PDB file of all heavy atoms in Angstrom:
ATOM      1  N   ALA A   1       0.828  -1.206  -0.001  1.00  0.00           N
ATOM      2  CA  ALA A   1       0.005   0.001   0.000  1.00  0.00           C
ATOM      3  C   ALA A   1       0.860   1.258   0.001  1.00  0.00           C
ATOM      4  O   ALA A   1       0.565   2.225  -0.699  1.00  0.00           O
ATOM      5  CB  ALA A   1      -0.926  -0.004   1.205  1.00  0.00           C
ATOM      6  N   ALA A   2       1.957   1.235   0.770  1.00  0.00           N
ATOM      7  CA  ALA A   2       2.857   2.394   0.814  1.00  0.00           C
ATOM      8  C   ALA A   2       3.585   2.584  -0.518  1.00  0.00           C
ATOM      9  O   ALA A   2       3.785   3.710  -0.978  1.00  0.00           O
ATOM     10  CB  ALA A   2       3.855   2.227   1.952  1.00  0.00           C
ATOM     11  N   LEU A   3       3.971   1.475  -1.150  1.00  0.00           N
ATOM     12  CA  LEU A   3       4.623   1.567  -2.449  1.00  0.00           C
ATOM     13  C   LEU A   3       3.668   2.133  -3.500  1.00  0.00           C
ATOM     14  O   LEU A   3       4.060   2.938  -4.337  1.00  0.00           O
ATOM     15  CB  LEU A   3       5.120   0.182  -2.871  1.00  0.00           C
ATOM     16  CG  LEU A   3       5.785   0.098  -4.256  1.00  0.00           C
ATOM     17  CD1 LEU A   3       7.004   1.017  -4.338  1.00  0.00           C
ATOM     18  CD2 LEU A   3       6.169  -1.335  -4.573  1.00  0.00           C
ATOM     19  N   ARG A   4       2.427   1.726  -3.416  1.00  0.00           N
ATOM     20  CA  ARG A   4       1.418   2.248  -4.354  1.00  0.00           C
ATOM     21  C   ARG A   4       1.288   3.761  -4.216  1.00  0.00           C
ATOM     22  O   ARG A   4       1.212   4.479  -5.216  1.00  0.00           O
ATOM     23  CB  ARG A   4       0.082   1.556  -4.099  1.00  0.00           C
ATOM     24  CG  ARG A   4      -1.028   1.914  -5.085  1.00  0.00           C
ATOM     25  CD  ARG A   4      -2.296   1.191  -4.696  1.00  0.00           C
ATOM     26  NE  ARG A   4      -3.399   1.520  -5.597  1.00  0.00           N
ATOM     27  CZ  ARG A   4      -3.653   0.888  -6.725  1.00  0.00           C
ATOM     28  NH1 ARG A   4      -2.876  -0.101  -7.124  1.00  0.00           N
ATOM     29  NH2 ARG A   4      -4.666   1.253  -7.492  1.00  0.00           N
ATOM     30  N   ARG A   5       1.259   4.241  -2.983  1.00  0.00           N
ATOM     31  CA  ARG A   5       1.173   5.695  -2.777  1.00  0.00           C
ATOM     32  C   ARG A   5       2.436   6.396  -3.272  1.00  0.00           C
ATOM     33  O   ARG A   5       2.360   7.492  -3.842  1.00  0.00           O
ATOM     34  CB  ARG A   5       0.963   5.997  -1.277  1.00  0.00           C
ATOM     35  CG  ARG A   5      -0.421   5.602  -0.769  1.00  0.00           C
ATOM     36  CD  ARG A   5      -0.664   6.188   0.623  1.00  0.00           C
ATOM     37  NE  ARG A   5       0.287   5.680   1.603  1.00  0.00           N
ATOM     38  CZ  ARG A   5       0.082   4.593   2.346  1.00  0.00           C
ATOM     39  NH1 ARG A   5      -1.024   3.876   2.182  1.00  0.00           N
ATOM     40  NH2 ARG A   5       0.982   4.203   3.221  1.00  0.00           N
ATOM     41  N   ALA A   6       3.569   5.771  -3.074  1.00  0.00           N
ATOM     42  CA  ALA A   6       4.844   6.394  -3.472  1.00  0.00           C
ATOM     43  C   ALA A   6       4.979   6.484  -4.986  1.00  0.00           C
ATOM     44  O   ALA A   6       5.724   7.321  -5.492  1.00  0.00           O
ATOM     45  CB  ALA A   6       6.014   5.618  -2.881  1.00  0.00           C
ATOM     46  N   ARG A   7       4.272   5.629  -5.735  1.00  0.00           N
ATOM     47  CA  ARG A   7       4.435   5.588  -7.186  1.00  0.00           C
ATOM     48  C   ARG A   7       4.024   6.886  -7.865  1.00  0.00           C
ATOM     49  O   ARG A   7       4.413   7.132  -9.007  1.00  0.00           O
ATOM     50  CB  ARG A   7       3.648   4.419  -7.775  1.00  0.00           C
ATOM     51  CG  ARG A   7       4.283   3.069  -7.518  1.00  0.00           C
ATOM     52  CD  ARG A   7       3.746   1.984  -8.428  1.00  0.00           C
ATOM     53  NE  ARG A   7       4.350   0.706  -8.138  1.00  0.00           N
ATOM     54  CZ  ARG A   7       5.533   0.313  -8.563  1.00  0.00           C
ATOM     55  NH1 ARG A   7       6.244   1.146  -9.324  1.00  0.00           N
ATOM     56  NH2 ARG A   7       6.035  -0.861  -8.262  1.00  0.00           N
ATOM     57  N   ALA A   8       3.239   7.694  -7.199  1.00  0.00           N
ATOM     58  CA  ALA A   8       2.887   8.990  -7.792  1.00  0.00           C
ATOM     59  C   ALA A   8       4.132   9.858  -7.997  1.00  0.00           C
ATOM     60  O   ALA A   8       4.141  10.764  -8.842  1.00  0.00           O
ATOM     61  CB  ALA A   8       1.876   9.707  -6.902  1.00  0.00           C
ATOM     62  N   GLN A   9       5.222   9.577  -7.252  1.00  0.00           N
ATOM     63  CA  GLN A   9       6.424  10.375  -7.338  1.00  0.00           C
ATOM     64  C   GLN A   9       7.408   9.902  -8.392  1.00  0.00           C
ATOM     65  O   GLN A   9       8.380  10.598  -8.683  1.00  0.00           O
ATOM     66  CB  GLN A   9       7.119  10.404  -5.968  1.00  0.00           C
ATOM     67  CG  GLN A   9       6.371  11.189  -4.916  1.00  0.00           C
ATOM     68  CD  GLN A   9       6.204  12.647  -5.341  1.00  0.00           C
ATOM     69  OE1 GLN A   9       7.178  13.313  -5.679  1.00  0.00           O
ATOM     70  NE2 GLN A   9       4.982  13.137  -5.344  1.00  0.00           N
ATOM     71  N   PHE A  10       7.202   8.711  -8.945  1.00  0.00           N
ATOM     72  CA  PHE A  10       8.117   8.225  -9.988  1.00  0.00           C
ATOM     73  C   PHE A  10       7.318   7.443 -11.028  1.00  0.00           C
ATOM     74  O   PHE A  10       6.523   6.584 -10.705  1.00  0.00           O
ATOM     75  CB  PHE A  10       9.253   7.397  -9.405  1.00  0.00           C
ATOM     76  CG  PHE A  10       8.846   6.161  -8.656  1.00  0.00           C
ATOM     77  CD1 PHE A  10       8.971   4.904  -9.220  1.00  0.00           C
ATOM     78  CD2 PHE A  10       8.331   6.246  -7.360  1.00  0.00           C
ATOM     79  CE1 PHE A  10       8.595   3.755  -8.537  1.00  0.00           C
ATOM     80  CE2 PHE A  10       7.959   5.106  -6.665  1.00  0.00           C
ATOM     81  CZ  PHE A  10       8.091   3.859  -7.256  1.00  0.00           C
ATOM     82  N   GLN A  11       7.528   7.811 -12.269  1.00  0.00           N
ATOM     83  CA  GLN A  11       6.797   7.213 -13.383  1.00  0.00           C
ATOM     84  C   GLN A  11       7.780   6.778 -14.464  1.00  0.00           C
ATOM     85  O   GLN A  11       8.958   7.136 -14.427  1.00  0.00           O
ATOM     86  CB  GLN A  11       5.794   8.208 -13.957  1.00  0.00           C
ATOM     87  CG  GLN A  11       4.645   8.549 -13.006  1.00  0.00           C
ATOM     88  CD  GLN A  11       3.681   7.380 -12.851  1.00  0.00           C
ATOM     89  OE1 GLN A  11       3.099   6.889 -13.812  1.00  0.00           O
ATOM     90  NE2 GLN A  11       3.515   6.936 -11.610  1.00  0.00           N
ATOM     91  N   MET A  12       7.284   6.020 -15.443  1.00  0.00           N
ATOM     92  CA  MET A  12       8.172   5.444 -16.451  1.00  0.00           C
ATOM     93  C   MET A  12       7.628   5.699 -17.848  1.00  0.00           C
ATOM     94  O   MET A  12       6.426   5.675 -18.083  1.00  0.00           O
ATOM     95  CB  MET A  12       8.328   3.934 -16.220  1.00  0.00           C
ATOM     96  CG  MET A  12       9.378   3.278 -17.090  1.00  0.00           C
ATOM     97  SD  MET A  12       9.826   1.629 -16.457  1.00  0.00           S
ATOM     98  CE  MET A  12      11.183   1.223 -17.573  1.00  0.00           C
ATOM     99  N   VAL A  13       8.554   5.949 -18.771  1.00  0.00           N
ATOM    100  CA  VAL A  13       8.242   6.024 -20.197  1.00  0.00           C
ATOM    101  C   VAL A  13       8.943   4.847 -20.859  1.00  0.00           C
ATOM    102  O   VAL A  13      10.161   4.707 -20.770  1.00  0.00           O
ATOM    103  CB  VAL A  13       8.739   7.343 -20.817  1.00  0.00           C
ATOM    104  CG1 VAL A  13       8.502   7.339 -22.326  1.00  0.00           C
ATOM    105  CG2 VAL A  13       8.029   8.532 -20.170  1.00  0.00           C
ATOM    106  N   PHE A  14       8.182   3.999 -21.517  1.00  0.00           N
ATOM    107  CA  PHE A  14       8.709   2.772 -22.078  1.00  0.00           C
ATOM    108  C   PHE A  14       9.242   3.001 -23.490  1.00  0.00           C
ATOM    109  O   PHE A  14       8.982   4.008 -24.140  1.00  0.00           O
ATOM    110  CB  PHE A  14       7.646   1.687 -22.084  1.00  0.00           C
ATOM    111  CG  PHE A  14       7.220   1.255 -20.704  1.00  0.00           C
ATOM    112  CD1 PHE A  14       6.139   1.853 -20.093  1.00  0.00           C
ATOM    113  CD2 PHE A  14       7.912   0.273 -20.032  1.00  0.00           C
ATOM    114  CE1 PHE A  14       5.757   1.480 -18.817  1.00  0.00           C
ATOM    115  CE2 PHE A  14       7.522  -0.115 -18.748  1.00  0.00           C
ATOM    116  CZ  PHE A  14       6.437   0.492 -18.144  1.00  0.00           C
ATOM    117  N   GLN A  15       9.971   1.997 -23.984  1.00  0.00           N
ATOM    118  CA  GLN A  15      10.654   2.108 -25.262  1.00  0.00           C
ATOM    119  C   GLN A  15       9.715   2.161 -26.448  1.00  0.00           C
ATOM    120  O   GLN A  15       9.894   2.955 -27.366  1.00  0.00           O
ATOM    121  CB  GLN A  15      11.612   0.923 -25.409  1.00  0.00           C
ATOM    122  CG  GLN A  15      12.318   0.853 -26.760  1.00  0.00           C
ATOM    123  CD  GLN A  15      13.268  -0.322 -26.836  1.00  0.00           C
ATOM    124  OE1 GLN A  15      13.426  -1.078 -25.877  1.00  0.00           O
ATOM    125  NE2 GLN A  15      13.902  -0.496 -27.976  1.00  0.00           N
ATOM    126  N   ASP A  16       8.688   1.319 -26.443  1.00  0.00           N
ATOM    127  CA  ASP A  16       7.849   1.122 -27.628  1.00  0.00           C
ATOM    128  C   ASP A  16       6.589   1.977 -27.543  1.00  0.00           C
ATOM    129  O   ASP A  16       5.683   1.665 -26.761  1.00  0.00           O
ATOM    130  CB  ASP A  16       7.467  -0.357 -27.740  1.00  0.00           C
ATOM    131  CG  ASP A  16       6.655  -0.653 -28.988  1.00  0.00           C
ATOM    132  OD1 ASP A  16       6.511   0.262 -29.823  1.00  0.00           O
ATOM    133  OD2 ASP A  16       6.194  -1.796 -29.134  1.00  0.00           O
ATOM    134  N   PRO A  17       6.481   3.050 -28.299  1.00  0.00           N
ATOM    135  CA  PRO A  17       5.278   3.883 -28.243  1.00  0.00           C
ATOM    136  C   PRO A  17       4.060   3.200 -28.859  1.00  0.00           C
ATOM    137  O   PRO A  17       2.941   3.678 -28.690  1.00  0.00           O
ATOM    138  CB  PRO A  17       5.663   5.129 -29.045  1.00  0.00           C
ATOM    139  CG  PRO A  17       6.682   4.641 -30.007  1.00  0.00           C
ATOM    140  CD  PRO A  17       7.443   3.559 -29.291  1.00  0.00           C
ATOM    141  N   TYR A  18       4.265   2.086 -29.556  1.00  0.00           N
ATOM    142  CA  TYR A  18       3.152   1.360 -30.155  1.00  0.00           C
ATOM    143  C   TYR A  18       2.581   0.317 -29.190  1.00  0.00           C
ATOM    144  O   TYR A  18       1.384   0.073 -29.143  1.00  0.00           O
ATOM    145  CB  TYR A  18       3.607   0.700 -31.463  1.00  0.00           C
ATOM    146  CG  TYR A  18       4.042   1.695 -32.498  1.00  0.00           C
ATOM    147  CD1 TYR A  18       5.380   2.068 -32.592  1.00  0.00           C
ATOM    148  CD2 TYR A  18       3.137   2.282 -33.361  1.00  0.00           C
ATOM    149  CE1 TYR A  18       5.800   2.992 -33.532  1.00  0.00           C
ATOM    150  CE2 TYR A  18       3.537   3.216 -34.312  1.00  0.00           C
ATOM    151  CZ  TYR A  18       4.873   3.558 -34.389  1.00  0.00           C
ATOM    152  OH  TYR A  18       5.283   4.489 -35.312  1.00  0.00           O
ATOM    153  N   GLY A  19       3.449  -0.311 -28.410  1.00  0.00           N
ATOM    154  CA  GLY A  19       3.010  -1.369 -27.517  1.00  0.00           C
ATOM    155  C   GLY A  19       2.670  -0.918 -26.120  1.00  0.00           C
ATOM    156  O   GLY A  19       2.033  -1.657 -25.356  1.00  0.00           O
ATOM    157  N   SER A  20       3.078   0.310 -25.743  1.00  0.00           N
ATOM    158  CA  SER A  20       2.851   0.745 -24.348  1.00  0.00           C
ATOM    159  C   SER A  20       1.523   1.448 -24.142  1.00  0.00           C
ATOM    160  O   SER A  20       1.183   1.790 -23.014  1.00  0.00           O
ATOM    161  CB  SER A  20       3.995   1.692 -23.927  1.00  0.00           C
ATOM    162  OG  SER A  20       3.998   2.873 -24.717  1.00  0.00           O
ATOM    163  N   LEU A  21       0.749   1.667 -25.205  1.00  0.00           N
ATOM    164  CA  LEU A  21      -0.548   2.317 -25.096  1.00  0.00           C
ATOM    165  C   LEU A  21      -1.650   1.314 -25.445  1.00  0.00           C
ATOM    166  O   LEU A  21      -1.556   0.614 -26.452  1.00  0.00           O
ATOM    167  CB  LEU A  21      -0.632   3.535 -26.027  1.00  0.00           C
ATOM    168  CG  LEU A  21       0.458   4.597 -25.871  1.00  0.00           C
ATOM    169  CD1 LEU A  21       0.231   5.715 -26.873  1.00  0.00           C
ATOM    170  CD2 LEU A  21       0.500   5.144 -24.455  1.00  0.00           C
ATOM    171  N   ASP A  22      -2.666   1.264 -24.613  1.00  0.00           N
ATOM    172  CA  ASP A  22      -3.797   0.339 -24.849  1.00  0.00           C
ATOM    173  C   ASP A  22      -4.593   0.824 -26.062  1.00  0.00           C
ATOM    174  O   ASP A  22      -5.169   1.918 -26.043  1.00  0.00           O
ATOM    175  CB  ASP A  22      -4.682   0.317 -23.612  1.00  0.00           C
ATOM    176  CG  ASP A  22      -5.745  -0.771 -23.676  1.00  0.00           C
ATOM    177  OD1 ASP A  22      -6.070  -1.227 -24.787  1.00  0.00           O
ATOM    178  OD2 ASP A  22      -6.258  -1.176 -22.619  1.00  0.00           O
ATOM    179  N   PRO A  23      -4.642   0.023 -27.146  1.00  0.00           N
ATOM    180  CA  PRO A  23      -5.334   0.487 -28.354  1.00  0.00           C
ATOM    181  C   PRO A  23      -6.838   0.614 -28.198  1.00  0.00           C
ATOM    182  O   PRO A  23      -7.503   1.240 -29.024  1.00  0.00           O
ATOM    183  CB  PRO A  23      -4.986  -0.595 -29.382  1.00  0.00           C
ATOM    184  CG  PRO A  23      -4.720  -1.816 -28.575  1.00  0.00           C
ATOM    185  CD  PRO A  23      -4.078  -1.330 -27.307  1.00  0.00           C
ATOM    186  N   ARG A  24      -7.408   0.042 -27.120  1.00  0.00           N
ATOM    187  CA  ARG A  24      -8.853   0.072 -26.920  1.00  0.00           C
ATOM    188  C   ARG A  24      -9.311   1.279 -26.109  1.00  0.00           C
ATOM    189  O   ARG A  24     -10.506   1.489 -25.941  1.00  0.00           O
ATOM    190  CB  ARG A  24      -9.314  -1.205 -26.213  1.00  0.00           C
ATOM    191  CG  ARG A  24      -9.015  -2.487 -27.016  1.00  0.00           C
ATOM    192  CD  ARG A  24      -9.161  -3.705 -26.122  1.00  0.00           C
ATOM    193  NE  ARG A  24      -8.197  -3.653 -25.025  1.00  0.00           N
ATOM    194  CZ  ARG A  24      -8.088  -4.607 -24.092  1.00  0.00           C
ATOM    195  NH1 ARG A  24      -8.891  -5.652 -24.111  1.00  0.00           N
ATOM    196  NH2 ARG A  24      -7.202  -4.504 -23.126  1.00  0.00           N
ATOM    197  N   ARG A  25      -8.347   2.070 -25.630  1.00  0.00           N
ATOM    198  CA  ARG A  25      -8.691   3.209 -24.791  1.00  0.00           C
ATOM    199  C   ARG A  25      -8.399   4.519 -25.525  1.00  0.00           C
ATOM    200  O   ARG A  25      -7.466   4.597 -26.313  1.00  0.00           O
ATOM    201  CB  ARG A  25      -7.910   3.183 -23.476  1.00  0.00           C
ATOM    202  CG  ARG A  25      -8.278   2.024 -22.568  1.00  0.00           C
ATOM    203  CD  ARG A  25      -7.678   2.224 -21.202  1.00  0.00           C
ATOM    204  NE  ARG A  25      -8.211   1.246 -20.246  1.00  0.00           N
ATOM    205  CZ  ARG A  25      -8.058   1.346 -18.942  1.00  0.00           C
ATOM    206  NH1 ARG A  25      -7.394   2.384 -18.426  1.00  0.00           N
ATOM    207  NH2 ARG A  25      -8.565   0.438 -18.134  1.00  0.00           N
ATOM    208  N   THR A  26      -9.181   5.519 -25.210  1.00  0.00           N
ATOM    209  CA  THR A  26      -8.926   6.842 -25.770  1.00  0.00           C
ATOM    210  C   THR A  26      -7.731   7.464 -25.082  1.00  0.00           C
ATOM    211  O   THR A  26      -7.289   7.035 -23.994  1.00  0.00           O
ATOM    212  CB  THR A  26     -10.135   7.763 -25.572  1.00  0.00           C
ATOM    213  OG1 THR A  26     -10.341   7.972 -24.166  1.00  0.00           O
ATOM    214  CG2 THR A  26     -11.388   7.184 -26.214  1.00  0.00           C
ATOM    215  N   VAL A  27      -7.185   8.492 -25.716  1.00  0.00           N
ATOM    216  CA  VAL A  27      -6.033   9.194 -25.160  1.00  0.00           C
ATOM    217  C   VAL A  27      -6.383   9.760 -23.771  1.00  0.00           C
ATOM    218  O   VAL A  27      -5.563   9.704 -22.838  1.00  0.00           O
ATOM    219  CB  VAL A  27      -5.593  10.328 -26.106  1.00  0.00           C
ATOM    220  CG1 VAL A  27      -4.602  11.263 -25.416  1.00  0.00           C
ATOM    221  CG2 VAL A  27      -4.987   9.722 -27.361  1.00  0.00           C
ATOM    222  N   GLY A  28      -7.593  10.277 -23.622  1.00  0.00           N
ATOM    223  CA  GLY A  28      -7.998  10.817 -22.338  1.00  0.00           C
ATOM    224  C   GLY A  28      -7.940   9.782 -21.223  1.00  0.00           C
ATOM    225  O   GLY A  28      -7.445  10.046 -20.134  1.00  0.00           O
TER     226      GLY A  28
END
């Protein structure tokens, strides 16, 4: 639970811009 809260402070950008986005969801 504490790690989940801490994740707001560090995020990741992955290598593949095609595979890292869910094609079924809108950008929003």
